[in-house]
Amino acid sequence: MSERTDLIITNADKGGAVVVMDTDRYITEANRQLSNTENYKQIKNNPTFTNNKLINDTIERFKNSNELKSNIAEGLKTLDAKTPKLYFLPKIHKKRQPW
């Protein structure tokens, strides 16, 4: 693993290529995308565990009302929910990308 912090090494969006780019450019593009309030909204709390409970409770209700077979219901439940991680893949196949 590299100790350099000035470069990001990541996959391209398409084509299986590896991209090496300046960390500052990567962060600038991430901030540009995250500032788009049509696609992103800042939240104060992590909803992962609340959403997980809601999903599992809903599955349990379907199981108890015989709308979902028990073995299928148990297979659908999430036991170890994890908070998603945000990352960006450079779109090198498109011309005039900001990064």
PDB file of N, CA and C in Angstrom:
ATOM      1  N   MET A   1       0.846  -1.180   0.000  1.00  0.00           N
ATOM      2  CA  MET A   1       0.000   0.000   0.000  1.00  0.00           C
ATOM      3  C   MET A   1       0.893   1.246   0.000  1.00  0.00           C
ATOM      4  N   SER A   2       0.531   2.207  -0.797  1.00  0.00           N
ATOM      5  CA  SER A   2       1.322   3.420  -0.940  1.00  0.00           C
ATOM      6  C   SER A   2       1.120   4.361   0.243  1.00  0.00           C
ATOM      7  N   GLU A   3       2.177   5.065   0.579  1.00  0.00           N
ATOM      8  CA  GLU A   3       2.080   6.059   1.641  1.00  0.00           C
ATOM      9  C   GLU A   3       1.843   7.452   1.089  1.00  0.00           C
ATOM     10  N   ARG A   4       1.719   7.560  -0.208  1.00  0.00           N
ATOM     11  CA  ARG A   4       1.486   8.871  -0.822  1.00  0.00           C
ATOM     12  C   ARG A   4       0.041   9.293  -0.588  1.00  0.00           C
ATOM     13  N   THR A   5      -0.117  10.535  -0.198  1.00  0.00           N
ATOM     14  CA  THR A   5      -1.455  11.064   0.026  1.00  0.00           C
ATOM     15  C   THR A   5      -1.854  12.070  -1.048  1.00  0.00           C
ATOM     16  N   ASP A   6      -0.949  12.359  -1.979  1.00  0.00           N
ATOM     17  CA  ASP A   6      -1.221  13.341  -3.021  1.00  0.00           C
ATOM     18  C   ASP A   6      -1.879  12.723  -4.251  1.00  0.00           C
ATOM     19  N   LEU A   7      -2.009  11.391  -4.271  1.00  0.00           N
ATOM     20  CA  LEU A   7      -2.601  10.702  -5.413  1.00  0.00           C
ATOM     21  C   LEU A   7      -3.706   9.757  -4.967  1.00  0.00           C
ATOM     22  N   ILE A   8      -4.706   9.625  -5.828  1.00  0.00           N
ATOM     23  CA  ILE A   8      -5.789   8.655  -5.644  1.00  0.00           C
ATOM     24  C   ILE A   8      -5.644   7.651  -6.771  1.00  0.00           C
ATOM     25  N   ILE A   9      -5.687   6.382  -6.442  1.00  0.00           N
ATOM     26  CA  ILE A   9      -5.670   5.320  -7.445  1.00  0.00           C
ATOM     27  C   ILE A   9      -7.009   4.613  -7.335  1.00  0.00           C
ATOM     28  N   THR A  10      -7.760   4.640  -8.427  1.00  0.00           N
ATOM     29  CA  THR A  10      -9.109   4.072  -8.407  1.00  0.00           C
ATOM     30  C   THR A  10      -9.434   3.496  -9.777  1.00  0.00           C
ATOM     31  N   ASN A  11     -10.557   2.822  -9.874  1.00  0.00           N
ATOM     32  CA  ASN A  11     -11.025   2.295 -11.150  1.00  0.00           C
ATOM     33  C   ASN A  11     -11.756   3.376 -11.919  1.00  0.00           C
ATOM     34  N   ALA A  12     -11.727   3.262 -13.233  1.00  0.00           N
ATOM     35  CA  ALA A  12     -12.537   4.137 -14.072  1.00  0.00           C
ATOM     36  C   ALA A  12     -13.980   3.648 -14.031  1.00  0.00           C
ATOM     37  N   ASP A  13     -14.899   4.516 -14.411  1.00  0.00           N
ATOM     38  CA  ASP A  13     -16.321   4.181 -14.430  1.00  0.00           C
ATOM     39  C   ASP A  13     -16.606   3.011 -15.369  1.00  0.00           C
ATOM     40  N   LYS A  14     -15.951   2.984 -16.514  1.00  0.00           N
ATOM     41  CA  LYS A  14     -16.171   1.924 -17.497  1.00  0.00           C
ATOM     42  C   LYS A  14     -14.839   1.506 -18.101  1.00  0.00           C
ATOM     43  N   GLY A  15     -14.807   0.313 -18.623  1.00  0.00           N
ATOM     44  CA  GLY A  15     -13.649  -0.139 -19.378  1.00  0.00           C
ATOM     45  C   GLY A  15     -12.587  -0.850 -18.577  1.00  0.00           C
ATOM     46  N   GLY A  16     -12.730  -0.926 -17.273  1.00  0.00           N
ATOM     47  CA  GLY A  16     -11.774  -1.660 -16.464  1.00  0.00           C
ATOM     48  C   GLY A  16     -10.418  -0.996 -16.310  1.00  0.00           C
ATOM     49  N   ALA A  17     -10.306   0.277 -16.663  1.00  0.00           N
ATOM     50  CA  ALA A  17      -9.030   0.980 -16.551  1.00  0.00           C
ATOM     51  C   ALA A  17      -8.782   1.413 -15.111  1.00  0.00           C
ATOM     52  N   VAL A  18      -7.520   1.600 -14.803  1.00  0.00           N
ATOM     53  CA  VAL A  18      -7.116   2.147 -13.516  1.00  0.00           C
ATOM     54  C   VAL A  18      -6.736   3.601 -13.742  1.00  0.00           C
ATOM     55  N   VAL A  19      -7.182   4.478 -12.853  1.00  0.00           N
ATOM     56  CA  VAL A  19      -6.944   5.908 -12.978  1.00  0.00           C
ATOM     57  C   VAL A  19      -6.097   6.369 -11.797  1.00  0.00           C
ATOM     58  N   VAL A  20      -5.071   7.156 -12.109  1.00  0.00           N
ATOM     59  CA  VAL A  20      -4.258   7.796 -11.078  1.00  0.00           C
ATOM     60  C   VAL A  20      -4.503   9.289 -11.213  1.00  0.00           C
ATOM     61  N   MET A  21      -4.934   9.923 -10.138  1.00  0.00           N
ATOM     62  CA  MET A  21      -5.236  11.348 -10.217  1.00  0.00           C
ATOM     63  C   MET A  21      -4.831  12.065  -8.936  1.00  0.00           C
ATOM     64  N   ASP A  22      -4.685  13.369  -9.032  1.00  0.00           N
ATOM     65  CA  ASP A  22      -4.357  14.181  -7.871  1.00  0.00           C
ATOM     66  C   ASP A  22      -5.487  14.109  -6.847  1.00  0.00           C
ATOM     67  N   THR A  23      -5.136  13.962  -5.604  1.00  0.00           N
ATOM     68  CA  THR A  23      -6.122  13.918  -4.532  1.00  0.00           C
ATOM     69  C   THR A  23      -6.963  15.189  -4.513  1.00  0.00           C
ATOM     70  N   ASP A  24      -6.327  16.337  -4.734  1.00  0.00           N
ATOM     71  CA  ASP A  24      -7.064  17.613  -4.725  1.00  0.00           C
ATOM     72  C   ASP A  24      -8.148  17.632  -5.795  1.00  0.00           C
ATOM     73  N   ARG A  25      -7.853  17.117  -6.995  1.00  0.00           N
ATOM     74  CA  ARG A  25      -8.866  17.075  -8.067  1.00  0.00           C
ATOM     75  C   ARG A  25     -10.013  16.145  -7.691  1.00  0.00           C
ATOM     76  N   TYR A  26      -9.681  15.012  -7.094  1.00  0.00           N
ATOM     77  CA  TYR A  26     -10.697  14.047  -6.679  1.00  0.00           C
ATOM     78  C   TYR A  26     -11.630  14.683  -5.640  1.00  0.00           C
ATOM     79  N   ILE A  27     -11.055  15.351  -4.651  1.00  0.00           N
ATOM     80  CA  ILE A  27     -11.853  15.988  -3.594  1.00  0.00           C
ATOM     81  C   ILE A  27     -12.689  17.131  -4.166  1.00  0.00           C
ATOM     82  N   THR A  28     -12.105  17.911  -5.079  1.00  0.00           N
ATOM     83  CA  THR A  28     -12.859  18.999  -5.714  1.00  0.00           C
ATOM     84  C   THR A  28     -14.068  18.462  -6.465  1.00  0.00           C
ATOM     85  N   GLU A  29     -13.870  17.369  -7.212  1.00  0.00           N
ATOM     86  CA  GLU A  29     -14.990  16.770  -7.944  1.00  0.00           C
ATOM     87  C   GLU A  29     -16.016  16.181  -6.987  1.00  0.00           C
ATOM     88  N   ALA A  30     -15.581  15.559  -5.919  1.00  0.00           N
ATOM     89  CA  ALA A  30     -16.510  15.006  -4.929  1.00  0.00           C
ATOM     90  C   ALA A  30     -17.364  16.120  -4.334  1.00  0.00           C
ATOM     91  N   ASN A  31     -16.730  17.217  -3.966  1.00  0.00           N
ATOM     92  CA  ASN A  31     -17.475  18.356  -3.407  1.00  0.00           C
ATOM     93  C   ASN A  31     -18.424  18.958  -4.430  1.00  0.00           C
ATOM     94  N   ARG A  32     -18.014  19.009  -5.689  1.00  0.00           N
ATOM     95  CA  ARG A  32     -18.886  19.535  -6.740  1.00  0.00           C
ATOM     96  C   ARG A  32     -20.147  18.680  -6.847  1.00  0.00           C
ATOM     97  N   GLN A  33     -19.964  17.377  -6.879  1.00  0.00           N
ATOM     98  CA  GLN A  33     -21.117  16.488  -7.000  1.00  0.00           C
ATOM     99  C   GLN A  33     -22.002  16.546  -5.757  1.00  0.00           C
ATOM    100  N   LEU A  34     -21.390  16.564  -4.586  1.00  0.00           N
ATOM    101  CA  LEU A  34     -22.168  16.571  -3.341  1.00  0.00           C
ATOM    102  C   LEU A  34     -22.909  17.880  -3.117  1.00  0.00           C
ATOM    103  N   SER A  35     -22.456  18.950  -3.753  1.00  0.00           N
ATOM    104  CA  SER A  35     -23.143  20.233  -3.591  1.00  0.00           C
ATOM    105  C   SER A  35     -24.414  20.317  -4.433  1.00  0.00           C
ATOM    106  N   ASN A  36     -24.658  19.326  -5.274  1.00  0.00           N
ATOM    107  CA  ASN A  36     -25.869  19.269  -6.091  1.00  0.00           C
ATOM    108  C   ASN A  36     -27.031  18.827  -5.196  1.00  0.00           C
ATOM    109  N   THR A  37     -27.840  19.779  -4.763  1.00  0.00           N
ATOM    110  CA  THR A  37     -28.917  19.477  -3.818  1.00  0.00           C
ATOM    111  C   THR A  37     -30.099  18.744  -4.445  1.00  0.00           C
ATOM    112  N   GLU A  38     -30.098  18.588  -5.766  1.00  0.00           N
ATOM    113  CA  GLU A  38     -31.136  17.759  -6.391  1.00  0.00           C
ATOM    114  C   GLU A  38     -30.835  16.277  -6.173  1.00  0.00           C
ATOM    115  N   ASN A  39     -29.558  15.935  -6.020  1.00  0.00           N
ATOM    116  CA  ASN A  39     -29.168  14.537  -5.867  1.00  0.00           C
ATOM    117  C   ASN A  39     -28.779  14.156  -4.452  1.00  0.00           C
ATOM    118  N   TYR A  40     -28.340  15.114  -3.671  1.00  0.00           N
ATOM    119  CA  TYR A  40     -27.851  14.820  -2.324  1.00  0.00           C
ATOM    120  C   TYR A  40     -28.466  15.767  -1.310  1.00  0.00           C
ATOM    121  N   LYS A  41     -28.673  15.235  -0.109  1.00  0.00           N
ATOM    122  CA  LYS A  41     -29.171  16.038   0.997  1.00  0.00           C
ATOM    123  C   LYS A  41     -28.361  15.674   2.231  1.00  0.00           C
ATOM    124  N   GLN A  42     -27.876  16.677   2.931  1.00  0.00           N
ATOM    125  CA  GLN A  42     -27.128  16.419   4.149  1.00  0.00           C
ATOM    126  C   GLN A  42     -28.095  16.031   5.257  1.00  0.00           C
ATOM    127  N   ILE A  43     -27.740  14.982   5.978  1.00  0.00           N
ATOM    128  CA  ILE A  43     -28.575  14.528   7.084  1.00  0.00           C
ATOM    129  C   ILE A  43     -27.750  14.571   8.372  1.00  0.00           C
ATOM    130  N   LYS A  44     -28.439  14.678   9.502  1.00  0.00           N
ATOM    131  CA  LYS A  44     -27.745  14.826  10.788  1.00  0.00           C
ATOM    132  C   LYS A  44     -27.402  13.494  11.427  1.00  0.00           C
ATOM    133  N   ASN A  45     -28.201  12.479  11.153  1.00  0.00           N
ATOM    134  CA  ASN A  45     -28.004  11.180  11.795  1.00  0.00           C
ATOM    135  C   ASN A  45     -27.855  10.086  10.756  1.00  0.00           C
ATOM    136  N   ASN A  46     -27.177   9.034  11.117  1.00  0.00           N
ATOM    137  CA  ASN A  46     -27.014   7.874  10.248  1.00  0.00           C
ATOM    138  C   ASN A  46     -28.302   7.046  10.294  1.00  0.00           C
ATOM    139  N   PRO A  47     -29.024   6.937   9.176  1.00  0.00           N
ATOM    140  CA  PRO A  47     -30.304   6.223   9.177  1.00  0.00           C
ATOM    141  C   PRO A  47     -30.182   4.714   8.955  1.00  0.00           C
ATOM    142  N   THR A  48     -28.973   4.187   8.843  1.00  0.00           N
ATOM    143  CA  THR A  48     -28.785   2.783   8.467  1.00  0.00           C
ATOM    144  C   THR A  48     -29.527   1.834   9.404  1.00  0.00           C
ATOM    145  N   PHE A  49     -29.340   1.983  10.687  1.00  0.00           N
ATOM    146  CA  PHE A  49     -29.935   1.030  11.620  1.00  0.00           C
ATOM    147  C   PHE A  49     -31.440   1.203  11.747  1.00  0.00           C
ATOM    148  N   THR A  50     -31.933   2.444  11.659  1.00  0.00           N
ATOM    149  CA  THR A  50     -33.380   2.697  11.675  1.00  0.00           C
ATOM    150  C   THR A  50     -34.026   2.076  10.436  1.00  0.00           C
ATOM    151  N   ASN A  51     -33.400   2.289   9.281  1.00  0.00           N
ATOM    152  CA  ASN A  51     -33.929   1.712   8.036  1.00  0.00           C
ATOM    153  C   ASN A  51     -33.888   0.191   8.079  1.00  0.00           C
ATOM    154  N   ASN A  52     -32.818  -0.362   8.633  1.00  0.00           N
ATOM    155  CA  ASN A  52     -32.691  -1.811   8.741  1.00  0.00           C
ATOM    156  C   ASN A  52     -33.825  -2.393   9.589  1.00  0.00           C
ATOM    157  N   LYS A  53     -34.130  -1.745  10.707  1.00  0.00           N
ATOM    158  CA  LYS A  53     -35.214  -2.214  11.570  1.00  0.00           C
ATOM    159  C   LYS A  53     -36.553  -2.130  10.852  1.00  0.00           C
ATOM    160  N   LEU A  54     -36.794  -1.035  10.135  1.00  0.00           N
ATOM    161  CA  LEU A  54     -38.034  -0.871   9.380  1.00  0.00           C
ATOM    162  C   LEU A  54     -38.191  -1.980   8.332  1.00  0.00           C
ATOM    163  N   ILE A  55     -37.120  -2.266   7.631  1.00  0.00           N
ATOM    164  CA  ILE A  55     -37.168  -3.317   6.593  1.00  0.00           C
ATOM    165  C   ILE A  55     -37.444  -4.673   7.234  1.00  0.00           C
ATOM    166  N   ASN A  56     -36.704  -5.004   8.276  1.00  0.00           N
ATOM    167  CA  ASN A  56     -36.896  -6.305   8.921  1.00  0.00           C
ATOM    168  C   ASN A  56     -38.280  -6.437   9.552  1.00  0.00           C
ATOM    169  N   ASP A  57     -38.786  -5.360  10.141  1.00  0.00           N
ATOM    170  CA  ASP A  57     -40.144  -5.386  10.710  1.00  0.00           C
ATOM    171  C   ASP A  57     -41.189  -5.591   9.619  1.00  0.00           C
ATOM    172  N   THR A  58     -40.997  -4.962   8.476  1.00  0.00           N
ATOM    173  CA  THR A  58     -41.932  -5.111   7.352  1.00  0.00           C
ATOM    174  C   THR A  58     -41.912  -6.546   6.830  1.00  0.00           C
ATOM    175  N   ILE A  59     -40.731  -7.106   6.685  1.00  0.00           N
ATOM    176  CA  ILE A  59     -40.609  -8.504   6.248  1.00  0.00           C
ATOM    177  C   ILE A  59     -41.314  -9.420   7.244  1.00  0.00           C
ATOM    178  N   GLU A  60     -41.122  -9.153   8.519  1.00  0.00           N
ATOM    179  CA  GLU A  60     -41.758  -9.976   9.562  1.00  0.00           C
ATOM    180  C   GLU A  60     -43.285  -9.880   9.471  1.00  0.00           C
ATOM    181  N   ARG A  61     -43.810  -8.680   9.202  1.00  0.00           N
ATOM    182  CA  ARG A  61     -45.268  -8.526   9.046  1.00  0.00           C
ATOM    183  C   ARG A  61     -45.784  -9.348   7.865  1.00  0.00           C
ATOM    184  N   PHE A  62     -45.054  -9.315   6.742  1.00  0.00           N
ATOM    185  CA  PHE A  62     -45.465 -10.113   5.576  1.00  0.00           C
ATOM    186  C   PHE A  62     -45.412 -11.606   5.900  1.00  0.00           C
ATOM    187  N   LYS A  63     -44.424 -12.011   6.643  1.00  0.00           N
ATOM    188  CA  LYS A  63     -44.304 -13.420   7.040  1.00  0.00           C
ATOM    189  C   LYS A  63     -45.466 -13.813   7.952  1.00  0.00           C
ATOM    190  N   ASN A  64     -45.761 -12.976   8.948  1.00  0.00           N
ATOM    191  CA  ASN A  64     -46.827 -13.291   9.908  1.00  0.00           C
ATOM    192  C   ASN A  64     -48.214 -13.300   9.274  1.00  0.00           C
ATOM    193  N   SER A  65     -48.388 -12.539   8.186  1.00  0.00           N
ATOM    194  CA  SER A  65     -49.687 -12.524   7.498  1.00  0.00           C
ATOM    195  C   SER A  65     -49.736 -13.562   6.370  1.00  0.00           C
ATOM    196  N   ASN A  66     -48.737 -14.425   6.326  1.00  0.00           N
ATOM    197  CA  ASN A  66     -48.637 -15.500   5.327  1.00  0.00           C
ATOM    198  C   ASN A  66     -48.560 -14.987   3.890  1.00  0.00           C
ATOM    199  N   GLU A  67     -48.119 -13.752   3.726  1.00  0.00           N
ATOM    200  CA  GLU A  67     -47.912 -13.213   2.384  1.00  0.00           C
ATOM    201  C   GLU A  67     -46.500 -13.513   1.881  1.00  0.00           C
ATOM    202  N   LEU A  68     -45.673 -14.004   2.778  1.00  0.00           N
ATOM    203  CA  LEU A  68     -44.294 -14.324   2.447  1.00  0.00           C
ATOM    204  C   LEU A  68     -43.921 -15.593   3.199  1.00  0.00           C
ATOM    205  N   LYS A  69     -43.383 -16.571   2.478  1.00  0.00           N
ATOM    206  CA  LYS A  69     -42.989 -17.817   3.126  1.00  0.00           C
ATOM    207  C   LYS A  69     -41.873 -17.549   4.123  1.00  0.00           C
ATOM    208  N   SER A  70     -41.889 -18.310   5.201  1.00  0.00           N
ATOM    209  CA  SER A  70     -40.948 -18.116   6.294  1.00  0.00           C
ATOM    210  C   SER A  70     -39.494 -18.209   5.838  1.00  0.00           C
ATOM    211  N   ASN A  71     -39.174 -19.195   5.026  1.00  0.00           N
ATOM    212  CA  ASN A  71     -37.783 -19.359   4.597  1.00  0.00           C
ATOM    213  C   ASN A  71     -37.331 -18.201   3.698  1.00  0.00           C
ATOM    214  N   ILE A  72     -38.236 -17.669   2.900  1.00  0.00           N
ATOM    215  CA  ILE A  72     -37.902 -16.526   2.049  1.00  0.00           C
ATOM    216  C   ILE A  72     -37.738 -15.276   2.915  1.00  0.00           C
ATOM    217  N   ALA A  73     -38.654 -15.097   3.866  1.00  0.00           N
ATOM    218  CA  ALA A  73     -38.583 -13.937   4.761  1.00  0.00           C
ATOM    219  C   ALA A  73     -37.265 -13.911   5.517  1.00  0.00           C
ATOM    220  N   GLU A  74     -36.868 -15.043   6.056  1.00  0.00           N
ATOM    221  CA  GLU A  74     -35.619 -15.089   6.819  1.00  0.00           C
ATOM    222  C   GLU A  74     -34.417 -14.812   5.924  1.00  0.00           C
ATOM    223  N   GLY A  75     -34.496 -15.225   4.671  1.00  0.00           N
ATOM    224  CA  GLY A  75     -33.401 -14.963   3.729  1.00  0.00           C
ATOM    225  C   GLY A  75     -33.305 -13.506   3.313  1.00  0.00           C
ATOM    226  N   LEU A  76     -34.423 -12.783   3.417  1.00  0.00           N
ATOM    227  CA  LEU A  76     -34.442 -11.365   3.032  1.00  0.00           C
ATOM    228  C   LEU A  76     -33.984 -10.433   4.147  1.00  0.00           C
ATOM    229  N   LYS A  77     -34.062 -10.878   5.374  1.00  0.00           N
ATOM    230  CA  LYS A  77     -33.715 -10.002   6.498  1.00  0.00           C
ATOM    231  C   LYS A  77     -32.229  -9.675   6.507  1.00  0.00           C
ATOM    232  N   THR A  78     -31.945  -8.470   6.935  1.00  0.00           N
ATOM    233  CA  THR A  78     -30.569  -8.010   7.067  1.00  0.00           C
ATOM    234  C   THR A  78     -30.167  -8.123   8.524  1.00  0.00           C
ATOM    235  N   LEU A  79     -29.059  -8.805   8.770  1.00  0.00           N
ATOM    236  CA  LEU A  79     -28.607  -8.995  10.140  1.00  0.00           C
ATOM    237  C   LEU A  79     -27.440  -8.084  10.498  1.00  0.00           C
ATOM    238  N   ASP A  80     -26.683  -7.687   9.504  1.00  0.00           N
ATOM    239  CA  ASP A  80     -25.467  -6.919   9.763  1.00  0.00           C
ATOM    240  C   ASP A  80     -25.403  -5.726   8.810  1.00  0.00           C
ATOM    241  N   ALA A  81     -26.301  -4.771   9.003  1.00  0.00           N
ATOM    242  CA  ALA A  81     -26.348  -3.606   8.115  1.00  0.00           C
ATOM    243  C   ALA A  81     -25.102  -2.757   8.297  1.00  0.00           C
ATOM    244  N   LYS A  82     -24.580  -2.270   7.193  1.00  0.00           N
ATOM    245  CA  LYS A  82     -23.410  -1.400   7.227  1.00  0.00           C
ATOM    246  C   LYS A  82     -23.736  -0.096   6.510  1.00  0.00           C
ATOM    247  N   THR A  83     -23.180   0.976   7.011  1.00  0.00           N
ATOM    248  CA  THR A  83     -23.358   2.270   6.378  1.00  0.00           C
ATOM    249  C   THR A  83     -22.645   2.253   5.032  1.00  0.00           C
ATOM    250  N   PRO A  84     -23.323   2.644   3.960  1.00  0.00           N
ATOM    251  CA  PRO A  84     -22.666   2.675   2.655  1.00  0.00           C
ATOM    252  C   PRO A  84     -21.504   3.674   2.656  1.00  0.00           C
ATOM    253  N   LYS A  85     -20.526   3.397   1.826  1.00  0.00           N
ATOM    254  CA  LYS A  85     -19.378   4.290   1.680  1.00  0.00           C
ATOM    255  C   LYS A  85     -19.492   5.006   0.340  1.00  0.00           C
ATOM    256  N   LEU A  86     -19.224   6.287   0.374  1.00  0.00           N
ATOM    257  CA  LEU A  86     -19.307   7.104  -0.824  1.00  0.00           C
ATOM    258  C   LEU A  86     -17.973   7.097  -1.556  1.00  0.00           C
ATOM    259  N   TYR A  87     -18.017   6.897  -2.852  1.00  0.00           N
ATOM    260  CA  TYR A  87     -16.816   6.978  -3.664  1.00  0.00           C
ATOM    261  C   TYR A  87     -17.217   7.413  -5.064  1.00  0.00           C
ATOM    262  N   PHE A  88     -16.245   7.881  -5.820  1.00  0.00           N
ATOM    263  CA  PHE A  88     -16.499   8.368  -7.171  1.00  0.00           C
ATOM    264  C   PHE A  88     -15.589   7.649  -8.152  1.00  0.00           C
ATOM    265  N   LEU A  89     -16.126   7.296  -9.305  1.00  0.00           N
ATOM    266  CA  LEU A  89     -15.342   6.660 -10.355  1.00  0.00           C
ATOM    267  C   LEU A  89     -15.223   7.630 -11.523  1.00  0.00           C
ATOM    268  N   PRO A  90     -14.010   8.011 -11.882  1.00  0.00           N
ATOM    269  CA  PRO A  90     -13.830   8.934 -13.009  1.00  0.00           C
ATOM    270  C   PRO A  90     -14.400   8.363 -14.303  1.00  0.00           C
ATOM    271  N   LYS A  91     -15.058   9.211 -15.068  1.00  0.00           N
ATOM    272  CA  LYS A  91     -15.661   8.825 -16.341  1.00  0.00           C
ATOM    273  C   LYS A  91     -14.687   9.188 -17.469  1.00  0.00           C
ATOM    274  N   ILE A  92     -13.706   8.342 -17.674  1.00  0.00           N
ATOM    275  CA  ILE A  92     -12.680   8.657 -18.671  1.00  0.00           C
ATOM    276  C   ILE A  92     -13.155   8.426 -20.104  1.00  0.00           C
ATOM    277  N   HIS A  93     -14.291   7.766 -20.269  1.00  0.00           N
ATOM    278  CA  HIS A  93     -14.817   7.507 -21.610  1.00  0.00           C
ATOM    279  C   HIS A  93     -15.586   8.705 -22.175  1.00  0.00           C
ATOM    280  N   LYS A  94     -15.838   9.722 -21.361  1.00  0.00           N
ATOM    281  CA  LYS A  94     -16.565  10.902 -21.812  1.00  0.00           C
ATOM    282  C   LYS A  94     -15.610  12.065 -22.001  1.00  0.00           C
ATOM    283  N   LYS A  95     -15.834  12.827 -23.044  1.00  0.00           N
ATOM    284  CA  LYS A  95     -15.012  14.019 -23.272  1.00  0.00           C
ATOM    285  C   LYS A  95     -15.493  15.156 -22.383  1.00  0.00           C
ATOM    286  N   ARG A  96     -14.580  16.045 -22.065  1.00  0.00           N
ATOM    287  CA  ARG A  96     -14.866  17.253 -21.279  1.00  0.00           C
ATOM    288  C   ARG A  96     -15.395  16.966 -19.881  1.00  0.00           C
ATOM    289  N   GLN A  97     -14.851  15.948 -19.272  1.00  0.00           N
ATOM    290  CA  GLN A  97     -15.195  15.701 -17.873  1.00  0.00           C
ATOM    291  C   GLN A  97     -14.488  16.739 -17.021  1.00  0.00           C
ATOM    292  N   PRO A  98     -15.135  17.197 -15.933  1.00  0.00           N
ATOM    293  CA  PRO A  98     -14.499  18.220 -15.104  1.00  0.00           C
ATOM    294  C   PRO A  98     -13.255  17.707 -14.388  1.00  0.00           C
ATOM    295  N   TRP A  99     -13.049  16.442 -14.369  1.00  0.00           N
ATOM    296  CA  TRP A  99     -11.877  15.911 -13.704  1.00  0.00           C
ATOM    297  C   TRP A  99     -11.230  14.941 -14.607  1.00  0.00           C
TER     298      TRP A  99
END
